[in-house]
Protein backbone atom coordinates (compact mmCIF):
# COMPACT_ATOMS: atom_id res chain seq x y z
CA UNK A 1 -1.68 14.32 -7.49
CA UNK A 2 -1.62 12.75 -4.25
CA UNK A 3 -0.27 8.86 -4.11
CA UNK A 4 -2.89 5.96 -3.22
CA UNK A 5 -1.64 3.95 0.17
CA UNK A 6 -1.53 1.11 -1.93
CA UNK A 7 0.71 2.33 -4.57
CA UNK A 8 3.27 -0.40 -4.86
CA UNK A 9 2.25 -2.09 -1.91
CA UNK A 10 -0.46 -4.34 -3.38
CA UNK A 11 1.48 -7.75 -2.48
CA UNK A 12 2.50 -6.51 1.02
CA UNK A 13 -1.15 -6.03 1.34
CA UNK A 14 -2.49 -8.94 -0.28
CA UNK A 15 -0.17 -11.18 1.85
CA UNK A 16 -1.22 -9.37 5.04
CA UNK A 17 -4.53 -9.93 3.93
CA UNK A 18 -4.74 -13.70 3.49
CA UNK A 19 -2.14 -14.71 6.46
CA UNK A 20 -4.12 -13.01 8.58
CA UNK A 21 -7.30 -14.70 7.08
CA UNK A 22 -5.59 -18.19 7.65
CA UNK A 23 -4.40 -17.28 11.25
CA UNK A 24 -8.29 -16.00 12.20
CA UNK A 25 -9.42 -19.63 10.44
CA UNK A 26 -6.31 -21.40 12.20
CA UNK A 27 -7.59 -20.02 16.01
CA UNK A 28 -11.50 -20.41 14.95
CA UNK A 29 -10.49 -24.26 14.44
CA UNK A 30 -8.33 -24.56 17.84
CA UNK A 31 -11.26 -22.76 19.27
CA UNK A 32 -13.85 -24.95 18.28
CA UNK A 33 -11.81 -28.26 18.89
CA UNK A 34 -10.93 -26.86 22.66
CA UNK A 35 -14.71 -26.19 23.35
CA UNK A 36 -15.78 -29.72 22.09
CA UNK A 37 -13.11 -31.16 24.44
CA UNK A 38 -12.63 -34.66 22.90
CA UNK A 39 -9.29 -34.16 21.86
CA UNK A 40 -5.44 -33.55 22.97
CA UNK A 41 -4.16 -29.97 22.91
CA UNK A 42 -1.41 -31.53 20.62
CA UNK A 43 -3.81 -32.65 17.91
CA UNK A 44 -5.90 -29.37 18.18
CA UNK A 45 -2.99 -27.21 17.61
CA UNK A 46 -1.74 -29.99 14.38
CA UNK A 47 -5.24 -29.40 13.35
CA UNK A 48 -4.78 -25.42 13.44
CA UNK A 49 -1.46 -25.82 11.64
CA UNK A 50 -2.89 -27.97 8.44
CA UNK A 51 -6.13 -25.05 8.70
CA UNK A 52 -3.41 -22.74 8.66
CA UNK A 53 -1.49 -24.12 5.42
CA UNK A 54 -4.35 -25.36 3.80
CA UNK A 55 -6.46 -22.00 3.98
CA UNK A 56 -3.15 -20.00 2.94
CA UNK A 57 -2.99 -22.54 -0.33
CA UNK A 58 -6.79 -21.94 -1.39
CA UNK A 59 -6.51 -17.82 -0.30
CA UNK A 60 -3.49 -17.02 -2.19
CA UNK A 61 -4.50 -17.46 -5.81
CA UNK A 62 -7.54 -15.49 -4.92
CA UNK A 63 -6.82 -12.99 -2.76
CA UNK A 64 -3.65 -11.63 -4.50
CA UNK A 65 -5.40 -10.77 -7.66
CA UNK A 66 -8.58 -8.96 -6.02
CA UNK A 67 -5.94 -6.97 -4.08
CA UNK A 68 -4.08 -5.82 -7.62
CA UNK A 69 -7.30 -5.17 -9.15
CA UNK A 70 -8.78 -3.03 -6.27
CA UNK A 71 -5.52 -1.26 -6.16
CA UNK A 72 -5.47 -0.38 -9.86
CA UNK A 73 -8.84 0.43 -10.21
CA UNK A 74 -9.19 2.72 -7.53
């Protein structure tokens, strides 16, 4: 029986997924703050770091079980 690509890698896939989404959210925040143009670059970057950390904290307990369930359920 052929092996599924996620066998034994569910935690790695989950980490890539929630970190990627968190990074995307941080970039979107910085881009929107830059378009608004009312803050300094340091404030935008610090806000982006906050968005990255908070999004990671929120997504981690959601994405990990979803990926495991998807990997086991195939």
